[in-house]
PDB file of all heavy atoms in Angstrom:
ATOM      1  N   ARG A   1     -15.789  -6.210  -2.421  1.00  0.00           N
ATOM      2  CA  ARG A   1     -14.523  -6.947  -2.544  1.00  0.00           C
ATOM      3  C   ARG A   1     -13.304  -6.150  -2.083  1.00  0.00           C
ATOM      4  O   ARG A   1     -12.238  -6.734  -1.883  1.00  0.00           O
ATOM      5  CB  ARG A   1     -14.331  -7.367  -4.002  1.00  0.00           C
ATOM      6  CG  ARG A   1     -15.373  -8.332  -4.494  1.00  0.00           C
ATOM      7  CD  ARG A   1     -15.337  -8.471  -6.007  1.00  0.00           C
ATOM      8  NE  ARG A   1     -14.046  -8.928  -6.492  1.00  0.00           N
ATOM      9  CZ  ARG A   1     -13.685  -8.910  -7.761  1.00  0.00           C
ATOM     10  NH1 ARG A   1     -14.524  -8.439  -8.677  1.00  0.00           N
ATOM     11  NH2 ARG A   1     -12.500  -9.346  -8.134  1.00  0.00           N
ATOM     12  N   TYR A   2     -13.457  -4.843  -1.918  1.00  0.00           N
ATOM     13  CA  TYR A   2     -12.279  -4.021  -1.646  1.00  0.00           C
ATOM     14  C   TYR A   2     -12.517  -3.023  -0.521  1.00  0.00           C
ATOM     15  O   TYR A   2     -13.663  -2.721  -0.168  1.00  0.00           O
ATOM     16  CB  TYR A   2     -11.869  -3.261  -2.914  1.00  0.00           C
ATOM     17  CG  TYR A   2     -11.534  -4.162  -4.074  1.00  0.00           C
ATOM     18  CD1 TYR A   2     -12.427  -4.310  -5.133  1.00  0.00           C
ATOM     19  CD2 TYR A   2     -10.344  -4.884  -4.107  1.00  0.00           C
ATOM     20  CE1 TYR A   2     -12.130  -5.150  -6.202  1.00  0.00           C
ATOM     21  CE2 TYR A   2     -10.038  -5.729  -5.165  1.00  0.00           C
ATOM     22  CZ  TYR A   2     -10.937  -5.856  -6.208  1.00  0.00           C
ATOM     23  OH  TYR A   2     -10.638  -6.686  -7.247  1.00  0.00           O
ATOM     24  N   THR A   3     -11.411  -2.530   0.008  1.00  0.00           N
ATOM     25  CA  THR A   3     -11.432  -1.491   1.036  1.00  0.00           C
ATOM     26  C   THR A   3     -10.773  -0.242   0.458  1.00  0.00           C
ATOM     27  O   THR A   3      -9.753  -0.327  -0.231  1.00  0.00           O
ATOM     28  CB  THR A   3     -10.659  -1.947   2.291  1.00  0.00           C
ATOM     29  OG1 THR A   3     -11.267  -3.142   2.797  1.00  0.00           O
ATOM     30  CG2 THR A   3     -10.693  -0.878   3.375  1.00  0.00           C
ATOM     31  N   ILE A   4     -11.360   0.913   0.735  1.00  0.00           N
ATOM     32  CA  ILE A   4     -10.820   2.188   0.260  1.00  0.00           C
ATOM     33  C   ILE A   4     -10.156   2.887   1.436  1.00  0.00           C
ATOM     34  O   ILE A   4     -10.766   3.083   2.490  1.00  0.00           O
ATOM     35  CB  ILE A   4     -11.926   3.075  -0.345  1.00  0.00           C
ATOM     36  CG1 ILE A   4     -12.660   2.305  -1.458  1.00  0.00           C
ATOM     37  CG2 ILE A   4     -11.335   4.372  -0.896  1.00  0.00           C
ATOM     38  CD1 ILE A   4     -13.977   2.912  -1.861  1.00  0.00           C
ATOM     39  N   VAL A   5      -8.894   3.226   1.249  1.00  0.00           N
ATOM     40  CA  VAL A   5      -8.083   3.743   2.344  1.00  0.00           C
ATOM     41  C   VAL A   5      -7.490   5.106   1.965  1.00  0.00           C
ATOM     42  O   VAL A   5      -7.005   5.287   0.844  1.00  0.00           O
ATOM     43  CB  VAL A   5      -6.917   2.772   2.672  1.00  0.00           C
ATOM     44  CG1 VAL A   5      -6.105   3.273   3.857  1.00  0.00           C
ATOM     45  CG2 VAL A   5      -7.448   1.375   2.957  1.00  0.00           C
ATOM     46  N   GLU A   6      -7.546   6.040   2.904  1.00  0.00           N
ATOM     47  CA  GLU A   6      -6.846   7.315   2.745  1.00  0.00           C
ATOM     48  C   GLU A   6      -5.524   7.210   3.487  1.00  0.00           C
ATOM     49  O   GLU A   6      -5.482   6.784   4.635  1.00  0.00           O
ATOM     50  CB  GLU A   6      -7.682   8.459   3.307  1.00  0.00           C
ATOM     51  CG  GLU A   6      -7.069   9.835   3.088  1.00  0.00           C
ATOM     52  CD  GLU A   6      -7.936  10.938   3.652  1.00  0.00           C
ATOM     53  OE1 GLU A   6      -7.787  11.261   4.848  1.00  0.00           O
ATOM     54  OE2 GLU A   6      -8.780  11.470   2.902  1.00  0.00           O
ATOM     55  N   VAL A   7      -4.446   7.577   2.808  1.00  0.00           N
ATOM     56  CA  VAL A   7      -3.095   7.421   3.360  1.00  0.00           C
ATOM     57  C   VAL A   7      -2.378   8.766   3.362  1.00  0.00           C
ATOM     58  O   VAL A   7      -2.426   9.499   2.371  1.00  0.00           O
ATOM     59  CB  VAL A   7      -2.272   6.413   2.517  1.00  0.00           C
ATOM     60  CG1 VAL A   7      -0.828   6.355   3.011  1.00  0.00           C
ATOM     61  CG2 VAL A   7      -2.898   5.027   2.560  1.00  0.00           C
ATOM     62  N   GLN A   8      -1.711   9.068   4.468  1.00  0.00           N
ATOM     63  CA  GLN A   8      -0.840  10.244   4.523  1.00  0.00           C
ATOM     64  C   GLN A   8       0.590   9.800   4.770  1.00  0.00           C
ATOM     65  O   GLN A   8       0.873   9.071   5.723  1.00  0.00           O
ATOM     66  CB  GLN A   8      -1.280  11.206   5.630  1.00  0.00           C
ATOM     67  CG  GLN A   8      -2.054  12.391   5.072  1.00  0.00           C
ATOM     68  CD  GLN A   8      -2.091  13.554   6.036  1.00  0.00           C
ATOM     69  OE1 GLN A   8      -2.422  13.391   7.195  1.00  0.00           O
ATOM     70  NE2 GLN A   8      -1.756  14.736   5.543  1.00  0.00           N
ATOM     71  N   LEU A   9       1.486  10.227   3.903  1.00  0.00           N
ATOM     72  CA  LEU A   9       2.890   9.858   4.034  1.00  0.00           C
ATOM     73  C   LEU A   9       3.595  10.723   5.062  1.00  0.00           C
ATOM     74  O   LEU A   9       3.493  11.950   5.027  1.00  0.00           O
ATOM     75  CB  LEU A   9       3.604  10.018   2.687  1.00  0.00           C
ATOM     76  CG  LEU A   9       3.495   8.872   1.684  1.00  0.00           C
ATOM     77  CD1 LEU A   9       4.229   9.238   0.411  1.00  0.00           C
ATOM     78  CD2 LEU A   9       4.037   7.580   2.259  1.00  0.00           C
ATOM     79  N   MET A  10       4.309  10.088   5.951  1.00  0.00           N
ATOM     80  CA  MET A  10       5.156  10.801   6.903  1.00  0.00           C
ATOM     81  C   MET A  10       6.618  10.786   6.449  1.00  0.00           C
ATOM     82  O   MET A  10       7.414  11.638   6.824  1.00  0.00           O
ATOM     83  CB  MET A  10       5.034  10.170   8.301  1.00  0.00           C
ATOM     84  CG  MET A  10       3.598   9.940   8.756  1.00  0.00           C
ATOM     85  SD  MET A  10       2.595  11.437   8.755  1.00  0.00           S
ATOM     86  CE  MET A  10       3.272  12.246  10.195  1.00  0.00           C
ATOM     87  N   THR A  11       6.973   9.772   5.669  1.00  0.00           N
ATOM     88  CA  THR A  11       8.301   9.676   5.056  1.00  0.00           C
ATOM     89  C   THR A  11       8.097   9.396   3.571  1.00  0.00           C
ATOM     90  O   THR A  11       7.010   8.981   3.168  1.00  0.00           O
ATOM     91  CB  THR A  11       9.147   8.557   5.688  1.00  0.00           C
ATOM     92  OG1 THR A  11       8.416   7.321   5.600  1.00  0.00           O
ATOM     93  CG2 THR A  11       9.474   8.849   7.132  1.00  0.00           C
ATOM     94  N   GLY A  12       9.117   9.579   2.775  1.00  0.00           N
ATOM     95  CA  GLY A  12       8.981   9.391   1.335  1.00  0.00           C
ATOM     96  C   GLY A  12       9.959   8.366   0.807  1.00  0.00           C
ATOM     97  O   GLY A  12      10.956   8.715   0.183  1.00  0.00           O
ATOM     98  N   ARG A  13       9.667   7.099   1.026  1.00  0.00           N
ATOM     99  CA  ARG A  13      10.558   6.020   0.597  1.00  0.00           C
ATOM    100  C   ARG A  13      10.073   5.404  -0.718  1.00  0.00           C
ATOM    101  O   ARG A  13       8.900   5.511  -1.082  1.00  0.00           O
ATOM    102  CB  ARG A  13      10.651   4.932   1.669  1.00  0.00           C
ATOM    103  CG  ARG A  13      10.967   5.421   3.069  1.00  0.00           C
ATOM    104  CD  ARG A  13      12.264   6.173   3.143  1.00  0.00           C
ATOM    105  NE  ARG A  13      12.598   6.527   4.522  1.00  0.00           N
ATOM    106  CZ  ARG A  13      13.505   7.415   4.864  1.00  0.00           C
ATOM    107  NH1 ARG A  13      14.181   8.077   3.917  1.00  0.00           N
ATOM    108  NH2 ARG A  13      13.760   7.687   6.127  1.00  0.00           N
ATOM    109  N   HIS A  14      10.978   4.703  -1.380  1.00  0.00           N
ATOM    110  CA  HIS A  14      10.668   4.035  -2.637  1.00  0.00           C
ATOM    111  C   HIS A  14       9.563   2.999  -2.439  1.00  0.00           C
ATOM    112  O   HIS A  14       9.665   2.126  -1.582  1.00  0.00           O
ATOM    113  CB  HIS A  14      11.939   3.342  -3.152  1.00  0.00           C
ATOM    114  CG  HIS A  14      11.747   2.529  -4.386  1.00  0.00           C
ATOM    115  ND1 HIS A  14      11.598   1.157  -4.356  1.00  0.00           N
ATOM    116  CD2 HIS A  14      11.674   2.883  -5.694  1.00  0.00           C
ATOM    117  CE1 HIS A  14      11.467   0.709  -5.595  1.00  0.00           C
ATOM    118  NE2 HIS A  14      11.506   1.725  -6.417  1.00  0.00           N
ATOM    119  N   HIS A  15       8.475   3.129  -3.216  1.00  0.00           N
ATOM    120  CA  HIS A  15       7.343   2.190  -3.160  1.00  0.00           C
ATOM    121  C   HIS A  15       6.790   2.031  -1.738  1.00  0.00           C
ATOM    122  O   HIS A  15       6.251   0.972  -1.392  1.00  0.00           O
ATOM    123  CB  HIS A  15       7.739   0.807  -3.700  1.00  0.00           C
ATOM    124  CG  HIS A  15       7.974   0.777  -5.179  1.00  0.00           C
ATOM    125  ND1 HIS A  15       8.292  -0.384  -5.850  1.00  0.00           N
ATOM    126  CD2 HIS A  15       7.954   1.753  -6.124  1.00  0.00           C
ATOM    127  CE1 HIS A  15       8.458  -0.119  -7.140  1.00  0.00           C
ATOM    128  NE2 HIS A  15       8.273   1.186  -7.329  1.00  0.00           N
ATOM    129  N   GLN A  16       6.887   3.068  -0.949  1.00  0.00           N
ATOM    130  CA  GLN A  16       6.562   2.931   0.477  1.00  0.00           C
ATOM    131  C   GLN A  16       5.123   2.486   0.736  1.00  0.00           C
ATOM    132  O   GLN A  16       4.884   1.531   1.491  1.00  0.00           O
ATOM    133  CB  GLN A  16       6.812   4.257   1.204  1.00  0.00           C
ATOM    134  CG  GLN A  16       6.486   4.183   2.698  1.00  0.00           C
ATOM    135  CD  GLN A  16       6.671   5.504   3.413  1.00  0.00           C
ATOM    136  OE1 GLN A  16       7.456   6.344   2.979  1.00  0.00           O
ATOM    137  NE2 GLN A  16       5.951   5.701   4.498  1.00  0.00           N
ATOM    138  N   ILE A  17       4.158   3.173   0.144  1.00  0.00           N
ATOM    139  CA  ILE A  17       2.755   2.835   0.402  1.00  0.00           C
ATOM    140  C   ILE A  17       2.460   1.421  -0.084  1.00  0.00           C
ATOM    141  O   ILE A  17       1.811   0.628   0.616  1.00  0.00           O
ATOM    142  CB  ILE A  17       1.818   3.849  -0.287  1.00  0.00           C
ATOM    143  CG1 ILE A  17       2.032   5.252   0.282  1.00  0.00           C
ATOM    144  CG2 ILE A  17       0.356   3.429  -0.113  1.00  0.00           C
ATOM    145  CD1 ILE A  17       1.250   6.338  -0.449  1.00  0.00           C
ATOM    146  N   ARG A  18       2.957   1.102  -1.247  1.00  0.00           N
ATOM    147  CA  ARG A  18       2.726  -0.223  -1.833  1.00  0.00           C
ATOM    148  C   ARG A  18       3.288  -1.318  -0.926  1.00  0.00           C
ATOM    149  O   ARG A  18       2.616  -2.323  -0.640  1.00  0.00           O
ATOM    150  CB  ARG A  18       3.353  -0.290  -3.218  1.00  0.00           C
ATOM    151  CG  ARG A  18       2.799   0.737  -4.174  1.00  0.00           C
ATOM    152  CD  ARG A  18       3.640   0.886  -5.447  1.00  0.00           C
ATOM    153  NE  ARG A  18       3.622  -0.326  -6.255  1.00  0.00           N
ATOM    154  CZ  ARG A  18       4.248  -0.443  -7.426  1.00  0.00           C
ATOM    155  NH1 ARG A  18       4.945   0.584  -7.901  1.00  0.00           N
ATOM    156  NH2 ARG A  18       4.178  -1.571  -8.106  1.00  0.00           N
ATOM    157  N   ALA A  19       4.516  -1.127  -0.468  1.00  0.00           N
ATOM    158  CA  ALA A  19       5.176  -2.149   0.347  1.00  0.00           C
ATOM    159  C   ALA A  19       4.558  -2.254   1.738  1.00  0.00           C
ATOM    160  O   ALA A  19       4.341  -3.359   2.246  1.00  0.00           O
ATOM    161  CB  ALA A  19       6.665  -1.831   0.450  1.00  0.00           C
ATOM    162  N   GLN A  20       4.265  -1.115   2.366  1.00  0.00           N
ATOM    163  CA  GLN A  20       3.745  -1.155   3.735  1.00  0.00           C
ATOM    164  C   GLN A  20       2.330  -1.705   3.793  1.00  0.00           C
ATOM    165  O   GLN A  20       1.999  -2.486   4.695  1.00  0.00           O
ATOM    166  CB  GLN A  20       3.805   0.241   4.360  1.00  0.00           C
ATOM    167  CG  GLN A  20       5.209   0.656   4.775  1.00  0.00           C
ATOM    168  CD  GLN A  20       5.198   1.862   5.690  1.00  0.00           C
ATOM    169  OE1 GLN A  20       5.063   2.990   5.231  1.00  0.00           O
ATOM    170  NE2 GLN A  20       5.342   1.624   6.986  1.00  0.00           N
ATOM    171  N   LEU A  21       1.473  -1.319   2.861  1.00  0.00           N
ATOM    172  CA  LEU A  21       0.110  -1.854   2.871  1.00  0.00           C
ATOM    173  C   LEU A  21       0.122  -3.359   2.609  1.00  0.00           C
ATOM    174  O   LEU A  21      -0.611  -4.112   3.240  1.00  0.00           O
ATOM    175  CB  LEU A  21      -0.757  -1.131   1.846  1.00  0.00           C
ATOM    176  CG  LEU A  21      -1.167   0.300   2.203  1.00  0.00           C
ATOM    177  CD1 LEU A  21      -1.954   0.933   1.053  1.00  0.00           C
ATOM    178  CD2 LEU A  21      -1.994   0.354   3.488  1.00  0.00           C
ATOM    179  N   SER A  22       0.978  -3.786   1.689  1.00  0.00           N
ATOM    180  CA  SER A  22       1.101  -5.220   1.428  1.00  0.00           C
ATOM    181  C   SER A  22       1.581  -5.966   2.667  1.00  0.00           C
ATOM    182  O   SER A  22       1.046  -7.030   3.018  1.00  0.00           O
ATOM    183  CB  SER A  22       2.071  -5.452   0.265  1.00  0.00           C
ATOM    184  OG  SER A  22       2.285  -6.827   0.063  1.00  0.00           O
ATOM    185  N   HIS A  23       2.573  -5.405   3.341  1.00  0.00           N
ATOM    186  CA  HIS A  23       3.113  -6.027   4.555  1.00  0.00           C
ATOM    187  C   HIS A  23       2.041  -6.119   5.643  1.00  0.00           C
ATOM    188  O   HIS A  23       2.053  -7.055   6.455  1.00  0.00           O
ATOM    189  CB  HIS A  23       4.299  -5.217   5.051  1.00  0.00           C
ATOM    190  CG  HIS A  23       5.016  -5.836   6.208  1.00  0.00           C
ATOM    191  ND1 HIS A  23       5.803  -6.962   6.088  1.00  0.00           N
ATOM    192  CD2 HIS A  23       5.062  -5.485   7.537  1.00  0.00           C
ATOM    193  CE1 HIS A  23       6.308  -7.277   7.278  1.00  0.00           C
ATOM    194  NE2 HIS A  23       5.870  -6.409   8.169  1.00  0.00           N
ATOM    195  N   ALA A  24       1.105  -5.160   5.629  1.00  0.00           N
ATOM    196  CA  ALA A  24       0.016  -5.161   6.617  1.00  0.00           C
ATOM    197  C   ALA A  24      -1.128  -6.083   6.211  1.00  0.00           C
ATOM    198  O   ALA A  24      -2.156  -6.148   6.894  1.00  0.00           O
ATOM    199  CB  ALA A  24      -0.499  -3.738   6.813  1.00  0.00           C
ATOM    200  N   GLY A  25      -0.961  -6.794   5.090  1.00  0.00           N
ATOM    201  CA  GLY A  25      -1.978  -7.759   4.664  1.00  0.00           C
ATOM    202  C   GLY A  25      -3.013  -7.199   3.727  1.00  0.00           C
ATOM    203  O   GLY A  25      -4.034  -7.843   3.466  1.00  0.00           O
ATOM    204  N   ALA A  26      -2.768  -5.987   3.195  1.00  0.00           N
ATOM    205  CA  ALA A  26      -3.752  -5.346   2.332  1.00  0.00           C
ATOM    206  C   ALA A  26      -3.077  -4.783   1.075  1.00  0.00           C
ATOM    207  O   ALA A  26      -2.938  -3.562   0.922  1.00  0.00           O
ATOM    208  CB  ALA A  26      -4.478  -4.235   3.092  1.00  0.00           C
ATOM    209  N   PRO A  27      -2.631  -5.657   0.147  1.00  0.00           N
ATOM    210  CA  PRO A  27      -1.987  -5.159  -1.070  1.00  0.00           C
ATOM    211  C   PRO A  27      -2.933  -4.302  -1.907  1.00  0.00           C
ATOM    212  O   PRO A  27      -4.151  -4.513  -1.900  1.00  0.00           O
ATOM    213  CB  PRO A  27      -1.597  -6.442  -1.814  1.00  0.00           C
ATOM    214  CG  PRO A  27      -2.490  -7.498  -1.266  1.00  0.00           C
ATOM    215  CD  PRO A  27      -2.754  -7.122   0.152  1.00  0.00           C
ATOM    216  N   ILE A  28      -2.368  -3.346  -2.618  1.00  0.00           N
ATOM    217  CA  ILE A  28      -3.162  -2.458  -3.461  1.00  0.00           C
ATOM    218  C   ILE A  28      -3.696  -3.223  -4.666  1.00  0.00           C
ATOM    219  O   ILE A  28      -2.996  -4.039  -5.270  1.00  0.00           O
ATOM    220  CB  ILE A  28      -2.315  -1.254  -3.910  1.00  0.00           C
ATOM    221  CG1 ILE A  28      -1.970  -0.384  -2.698  1.00  0.00           C
ATOM    222  CG2 ILE A  28      -3.044  -0.416  -4.954  1.00  0.00           C
ATOM    223  CD1 ILE A  28      -0.939   0.696  -2.975  1.00  0.00           C
ATOM    224  N   LYS A  29      -4.941  -2.965  -4.999  1.00  0.00           N
ATOM    225  CA  LYS A  29      -5.582  -3.622  -6.146  1.00  0.00           C
ATOM    226  C   LYS A  29      -4.727  -3.430  -7.397  1.00  0.00           C
ATOM    227  O   LYS A  29      -4.330  -2.328  -7.737  1.00  0.00           O
ATOM    228  CB  LYS A  29      -6.975  -3.032  -6.360  1.00  0.00           C
ATOM    229  CG  LYS A  29      -7.751  -3.648  -7.506  1.00  0.00           C
ATOM    230  CD  LYS A  29      -9.127  -3.003  -7.633  1.00  0.00           C
ATOM    231  CE  LYS A  29      -9.911  -3.608  -8.790  1.00  0.00           C
ATOM    232  NZ  LYS A  29      -9.281  -3.325 -10.103  1.00  0.00           N
ATOM    233  N   GLY A  30      -4.444  -4.541  -8.070  1.00  0.00           N
ATOM    234  CA  GLY A  30      -3.691  -4.505  -9.313  1.00  0.00           C
ATOM    235  C   GLY A  30      -2.185  -4.558  -9.157  1.00  0.00           C
ATOM    236  O   GLY A  30      -1.464  -4.686 -10.148  1.00  0.00           O
ATOM    237  N   ASP A  31      -1.687  -4.484  -7.919  1.00  0.00           N
ATOM    238  CA  ASP A  31      -0.242  -4.387  -7.691  1.00  0.00           C
ATOM    239  C   ASP A  31       0.375  -5.779  -7.531  1.00  0.00           C
ATOM    240  O   ASP A  31       0.687  -6.221  -6.424  1.00  0.00           O
ATOM    241  CB  ASP A  31       0.026  -3.528  -6.457  1.00  0.00           C
ATOM    242  CG  ASP A  31       1.462  -3.034  -6.389  1.00  0.00           C
ATOM    243  OD1 ASP A  31       2.256  -3.381  -7.287  1.00  0.00           O
ATOM    244  OD2 ASP A  31       1.791  -2.293  -5.448  1.00  0.00           O
ATOM    245  N   LEU A  32       0.573  -6.454  -8.649  1.00  0.00           N
ATOM    246  CA  LEU A  32       1.101  -7.815  -8.622  1.00  0.00           C
ATOM    247  C   LEU A  32       2.463  -7.890  -7.943  1.00  0.00           C
ATOM    248  O   LEU A  32       2.782  -8.873  -7.264  1.00  0.00           O
ATOM    249  CB  LEU A  32       1.217  -8.365 -10.051  1.00  0.00           C
ATOM    250  CG  LEU A  32      -0.084  -8.566 -10.835  1.00  0.00           C
ATOM    251  CD1 LEU A  32       0.229  -9.098 -12.220  1.00  0.00           C
ATOM    252  CD2 LEU A  32      -1.026  -9.508 -10.101  1.00  0.00           C
ATOM    253  N   LYS A  33       3.264  -6.849  -8.121  1.00  0.00           N
ATOM    254  CA  LYS A  33       4.613  -6.835  -7.544  1.00  0.00           C
ATOM    255  C   LYS A  33       4.575  -6.968  -6.031  1.00  0.00           C
ATOM    256  O   LYS A  33       5.484  -7.531  -5.414  1.00  0.00           O
ATOM    257  CB  LYS A  33       5.341  -5.544  -7.944  1.00  0.00           C
ATOM    258  CG  LYS A  33       6.749  -5.436  -7.375  1.00  0.00           C
ATOM    259  CD  LYS A  33       7.508  -4.244  -7.966  1.00  0.00           C
ATOM    260  CE  LYS A  33       8.041  -4.569  -9.329  1.00  0.00           C
ATOM    261  NZ  LYS A  33       9.038  -3.590  -9.812  1.00  0.00           N
ATOM    262  N   TYR A  34       3.501  -6.485  -5.415  1.00  0.00           N
ATOM    263  CA  TYR A  34       3.398  -6.515  -3.957  1.00  0.00           C
ATOM    264  C   TYR A  34       2.235  -7.384  -3.469  1.00  0.00           C
ATOM    265  O   TYR A  34       1.676  -7.143  -2.409  1.00  0.00           O
ATOM    266  CB  TYR A  34       3.292  -5.090  -3.403  1.00  0.00           C
ATOM    267  CG  TYR A  34       4.613  -4.340  -3.523  1.00  0.00           C
ATOM    268  CD1 TYR A  34       4.867  -3.508  -4.608  1.00  0.00           C
ATOM    269  CD2 TYR A  34       5.617  -4.506  -2.577  1.00  0.00           C
ATOM    270  CE1 TYR A  34       6.082  -2.850  -4.731  1.00  0.00           C
ATOM    271  CE2 TYR A  34       6.831  -3.857  -2.686  1.00  0.00           C
ATOM    272  CZ  TYR A  34       7.050  -3.024  -3.773  1.00  0.00           C
ATOM    273  OH  TYR A  34       8.269  -2.378  -3.890  1.00  0.00           O
TER     274      TYR A  34
END
């Protein structure tokens, strides 16, 4: 049911990983906000 992703941050923005993965169509498991 899920995909496991390794992420490296190049910038450090507020909720960056959560927002960008959601925008790419892959929200983080459990992250209702995104």
